[in-house]
Amino acid sequence: MKNSMHTGTVLLVDDKSEHIHLLSEILSQHGYTVAAVKTGNEVLASIKSA
């Protein structure tokens, strides 16, 4: 598999901190900026402020 860096922002939504931490680490290592939230209300707030 080709090892390439990506750009962009990913919004992670999960109520488990360990999932957010693991996925954030993996995505960050591949060049993505990660925003993470735990609830639907936080998703809506982050979309409105984007």
PDB file of N, CA and C in Angstrom:
ATOM      1  N   MET A   1       0.837  -1.175   0.000  1.00  0.00           N
ATOM      2  CA  MET A   1       0.000   0.000   0.000  1.00  0.00           C
ATOM      3  C   MET A   1       0.886   1.243   0.000  1.00  0.00           C
ATOM      4  N   LYS A   2       0.497   2.232  -0.736  1.00  0.00           N
ATOM      5  CA  LYS A   2       1.236   3.478  -0.850  1.00  0.00           C
ATOM      6  C   LYS A   2       1.094   4.290   0.441  1.00  0.00           C
ATOM      7  N   ASN A   3       2.211   4.805   0.942  1.00  0.00           N
ATOM      8  CA  ASN A   3       2.206   5.612   2.161  1.00  0.00           C
ATOM      9  C   ASN A   3       2.151   7.081   1.769  1.00  0.00           C
ATOM     10  N   SER A   4       0.956   7.661   1.779  1.00  0.00           N
ATOM     11  CA  SER A   4       0.817   9.058   1.390  1.00  0.00           C
ATOM     12  C   SER A   4       0.172   9.840   2.516  1.00  0.00           C
ATOM     13  N   MET A   5       0.516  11.120   2.588  1.00  0.00           N
ATOM     14  CA  MET A   5      -0.069  11.999   3.590  1.00  0.00           C
ATOM     15  C   MET A   5      -1.298  12.663   2.984  1.00  0.00           C
ATOM     16  N   HIS A   6      -2.280  12.842   3.811  1.00  0.00           N
ATOM     17  CA  HIS A   6      -3.524  13.463   3.398  1.00  0.00           C
ATOM     18  C   HIS A   6      -3.655  14.814   4.085  1.00  0.00           C
ATOM     19  N   THR A   7      -4.566  15.591   3.597  1.00  0.00           N
ATOM     20  CA  THR A   7      -4.899  16.837   4.278  1.00  0.00           C
ATOM     21  C   THR A   7      -6.408  16.904   4.406  1.00  0.00           C
ATOM     22  N   GLY A   8      -6.850  17.707   5.308  1.00  0.00           N
ATOM     23  CA  GLY A   8      -8.278  17.842   5.530  1.00  0.00           C
ATOM     24  C   GLY A   8      -8.581  17.693   6.999  1.00  0.00           C
ATOM     25  N   THR A   9      -9.837  17.903   7.317  1.00  0.00           N
ATOM     26  CA  THR A   9     -10.284  17.797   8.699  1.00  0.00           C
ATOM     27  C   THR A   9     -11.336  16.708   8.805  1.00  0.00           C
ATOM     28  N   VAL A  10     -11.207  15.896   9.831  1.00  0.00           N
ATOM     29  CA  VAL A  10     -12.145  14.814  10.089  1.00  0.00           C
ATOM     30  C   VAL A  10     -12.841  15.111  11.412  1.00  0.00           C
ATOM     31  N   LEU A  11     -14.165  14.999  11.419  1.00  0.00           N
ATOM     32  CA  LEU A  11     -14.936  15.148  12.650  1.00  0.00           C
ATOM     33  C   LEU A  11     -15.251  13.760  13.175  1.00  0.00           C
ATOM     34  N   LEU A  12     -14.663  13.412  14.322  1.00  0.00           N
ATOM     35  CA  LEU A  12     -14.929  12.133  14.967  1.00  0.00           C
ATOM     36  C   LEU A  12     -16.061  12.298  15.970  1.00  0.00           C
ATOM     37  N   VAL A  13     -16.984  11.360  15.957  1.00  0.00           N
ATOM     38  CA  VAL A  13     -18.090  11.390  16.910  1.00  0.00           C
ATOM     39  C   VAL A  13     -18.159  10.025  17.577  1.00  0.00           C
ATOM     40  N   ASP A  14     -17.919  10.003  18.871  1.00  0.00           N
ATOM     41  CA  ASP A  14     -17.999   8.759  19.622  1.00  0.00           C
ATOM     42  C   ASP A  14     -18.117   9.102  21.098  1.00  0.00           C
ATOM     43  N   ASP A  15     -18.888   8.344  21.827  1.00  0.00           N
ATOM     44  CA  ASP A  15     -19.040   8.629  23.247  1.00  0.00           C
ATOM     45  C   ASP A  15     -17.962   7.968  24.104  1.00  0.00           C
ATOM     46  N   LYS A  16     -17.086   7.218  23.489  1.00  0.00           N
ATOM     47  CA  LYS A  16     -16.007   6.559  24.225  1.00  0.00           C
ATOM     48  C   LYS A  16     -14.676   7.265  23.957  1.00  0.00           C
ATOM     49  N   SER A  17     -14.099   7.806  25.006  1.00  0.00           N
ATOM     50  CA  SER A  17     -12.845   8.565  24.886  1.00  0.00           C
ATOM     51  C   SER A  17     -11.718   7.737  24.297  1.00  0.00           C
ATOM     52  N   GLU A  18     -11.659   6.450  24.637  1.00  0.00           N
ATOM     53  CA  GLU A  18     -10.575   5.608  24.120  1.00  0.00           C
ATOM     54  C   GLU A  18     -10.671   5.443  22.608  1.00  0.00           C
ATOM     55  N   HIS A  19     -11.881   5.403  22.064  1.00  0.00           N
ATOM     56  CA  HIS A  19     -12.040   5.318  20.609  1.00  0.00           C
ATOM     57  C   HIS A  19     -11.562   6.613  19.946  1.00  0.00           C
ATOM     58  N   ILE A  20     -11.976   7.725  20.524  1.00  0.00           N
ATOM     59  CA  ILE A  20     -11.569   9.025  19.989  1.00  0.00           C
ATOM     60  C   ILE A  20     -10.057   9.159  20.010  1.00  0.00           C
ATOM     61  N   HIS A  21      -9.445   8.780  21.110  1.00  0.00           N
ATOM     62  CA  HIS A  21      -7.991   8.897  21.235  1.00  0.00           C
ATOM     63  C   HIS A  21      -7.278   8.043  20.185  1.00  0.00           C
ATOM     64  N   LEU A  22      -7.675   6.789  20.052  1.00  0.00           N
ATOM     65  CA  LEU A  22      -7.030   5.888  19.096  1.00  0.00           C
ATOM     66  C   LEU A  22      -7.194   6.380  17.661  1.00  0.00           C
ATOM     67  N   LEU A  23      -8.421   6.707  17.281  1.00  0.00           N
ATOM     68  CA  LEU A  23      -8.656   7.166  15.909  1.00  0.00           C
ATOM     69  C   LEU A  23      -7.986   8.504  15.628  1.00  0.00           C
ATOM     70  N   SER A  24      -7.959   9.384  16.615  1.00  0.00           N
ATOM     71  CA  SER A  24      -7.282  10.679  16.454  1.00  0.00           C
ATOM     72  C   SER A  24      -5.797  10.483  16.181  1.00  0.00           C
ATOM     73  N   GLU A  25      -5.186   9.589  16.935  1.00  0.00           N
ATOM     74  CA  GLU A  25      -3.756   9.311  16.738  1.00  0.00           C
ATOM     75  C   GLU A  25      -3.482   8.782  15.333  1.00  0.00           C
ATOM     76  N   ILE A  26      -4.270   7.824  14.903  1.00  0.00           N
ATOM     77  CA  ILE A  26      -4.061   7.225  13.577  1.00  0.00           C
ATOM     78  C   ILE A  26      -4.271   8.260  12.476  1.00  0.00           C
ATOM     79  N   LEU A  27      -5.354   9.005  12.546  1.00  0.00           N
ATOM     80  CA  LEU A  27      -5.634   9.999  11.506  1.00  0.00           C
ATOM     81  C   LEU A  27      -4.602  11.119  11.501  1.00  0.00           C
ATOM     82  N   SER A  28      -4.182  11.558  12.669  1.00  0.00           N
ATOM     83  CA  SER A  28      -3.166  12.614  12.754  1.00  0.00           C
ATOM     84  C   SER A  28      -1.847  12.166  12.133  1.00  0.00           C
ATOM     85  N   GLN A  29      -1.480  10.917  12.357  1.00  0.00           N
ATOM     86  CA  GLN A  29      -0.248  10.378  11.773  1.00  0.00           C
ATOM     87  C   GLN A  29      -0.295  10.361  10.251  1.00  0.00           C
ATOM     88  N   HIS A  30      -1.486  10.363   9.705  1.00  0.00           N
ATOM     89  CA  HIS A  30      -1.657  10.362   8.249  1.00  0.00           C
ATOM     90  C   HIS A  30      -1.928  11.763   7.693  1.00  0.00           C
ATOM     91  N   GLY A  31      -1.765  12.773   8.546  1.00  0.00           N
ATOM     92  CA  GLY A  31      -1.828  14.145   8.068  1.00  0.00           C
ATOM     93  C   GLY A  31      -3.164  14.851   8.229  1.00  0.00           C
ATOM     94  N   TYR A  32      -4.142  14.194   8.813  1.00  0.00           N
ATOM     95  CA  TYR A  32      -5.445  14.826   8.984  1.00  0.00           C
ATOM     96  C   TYR A  32      -5.488  15.674  10.253  1.00  0.00           C
ATOM     97  N   THR A  33      -6.262  16.737  10.200  1.00  0.00           N
ATOM     98  CA  THR A  33      -6.601  17.493  11.392  1.00  0.00           C
ATOM     99  C   THR A  33      -7.865  16.850  11.938  1.00  0.00           C
ATOM    100  N   VAL A  34      -7.897  16.602  13.249  1.00  0.00           N
ATOM    101  CA  VAL A  34      -9.020  15.889  13.846  1.00  0.00           C
ATOM    102  C   VAL A  34      -9.749  16.779  14.841  1.00  0.00           C
ATOM    103  N   ALA A  35     -11.059  16.845  14.687  1.00  0.00           N
ATOM    104  CA  ALA A  35     -11.936  17.471  15.674  1.00  0.00           C
ATOM    105  C   ALA A  35     -12.778  16.339  16.239  1.00  0.00           C
ATOM    106  N   ALA A  36     -12.933  16.294  17.549  1.00  0.00           N
ATOM    107  CA  ALA A  36     -13.663  15.195  18.157  1.00  0.00           C
ATOM    108  C   ALA A  36     -14.739  15.707  19.097  1.00  0.00           C
ATOM    109  N   VAL A  37     -15.887  15.065  19.051  1.00  0.00           N
ATOM    110  CA  VAL A  37     -17.000  15.382  19.941  1.00  0.00           C
ATOM    111  C   VAL A  37     -17.620  14.077  20.420  1.00  0.00           C
ATOM    112  N   LYS A  38     -18.398  14.174  21.500  1.00  0.00           N
ATOM    113  CA  LYS A  38     -18.976  12.972  22.094  1.00  0.00           C
ATOM    114  C   LYS A  38     -20.491  12.868  21.974  1.00  0.00           C
ATOM    115  N   THR A  39     -21.165  13.953  21.631  1.00  0.00           N
ATOM    116  CA  THR A  39     -22.632  13.915  21.595  1.00  0.00           C
ATOM    117  C   THR A  39     -23.170  14.540  20.310  1.00  0.00           C
ATOM    118  N   GLY A  40     -24.416  14.222  20.037  1.00  0.00           N
ATOM    119  CA  GLY A  40     -25.085  14.809  18.880  1.00  0.00           C
ATOM    120  C   GLY A  40     -25.187  16.315  18.970  1.00  0.00           C
ATOM    121  N   ASN A  41     -25.441  16.826  20.173  1.00  0.00           N
ATOM    122  CA  ASN A  41     -25.508  18.276  20.356  1.00  0.00           C
ATOM    123  C   ASN A  41     -24.170  18.940  20.045  1.00  0.00           C
ATOM    124  N   GLU A  42     -23.072  18.281  20.423  1.00  0.00           N
ATOM    125  CA  GLU A  42     -21.747  18.827  20.107  1.00  0.00           C
ATOM    126  C   GLU A  42     -21.486  18.812  18.604  1.00  0.00           C
ATOM    127  N   VAL A  43     -21.991  17.789  17.919  1.00  0.00           N
ATOM    128  CA  VAL A  43     -21.870  17.724  16.452  1.00  0.00           C
ATOM    129  C   VAL A  43     -22.557  18.938  15.837  1.00  0.00           C
ATOM    130  N   LEU A  44     -23.793  19.164  16.241  1.00  0.00           N
ATOM    131  CA  LEU A  44     -24.549  20.286  15.690  1.00  0.00           C
ATOM    132  C   LEU A  44     -23.872  21.613  15.981  1.00  0.00           C
ATOM    133  N   ALA A  45     -23.365  21.786  17.187  1.00  0.00           N
ATOM    134  CA  ALA A  45     -22.681  23.024  17.546  1.00  0.00           C
ATOM    135  C   ALA A  45     -21.417  23.217  16.709  1.00  0.00           C
ATOM    136  N   SER A  46     -20.659  22.137  16.470  1.00  0.00           N
ATOM    137  CA  SER A  46     -19.431  22.273  15.700  1.00  0.00           C
ATOM    138  C   SER A  46     -19.724  22.574  14.232  1.00  0.00           C
ATOM    139  N   ILE A  47     -20.811  22.026  13.710  1.00  0.00           N
ATOM    140  CA  ILE A  47     -21.191  22.310  12.331  1.00  0.00           C
ATOM    141  C   ILE A  47     -21.634  23.759  12.181  1.00  0.00           C
ATOM    142  N   LYS A  48     -22.394  24.230  13.131  1.00  0.00           N
ATOM    143  CA  LYS A  48     -22.879  25.623  13.089  1.00  0.00           C
ATOM    144  C   LYS A  48     -21.733  26.623  13.189  1.00  0.00           C
ATOM    145  N   SER A  49     -20.686  26.266  13.923  1.00  0.00           N
ATOM    146  CA  SER A  49     -19.569  27.208  14.108  1.00  0.00           C
ATOM    147  C   SER A  49     -18.524  27.099  12.995  1.00  0.00           C
ATOM    148  N   ALA A  50     -18.655  26.116  12.115  1.00  0.00           N
ATOM    149  CA  ALA A  50     -17.669  25.912  11.047  1.00  0.00           C
ATOM    150  C   ALA A  50     -17.835  26.915   9.926  1.00  0.00           C
TER     151      ALA A  50
END
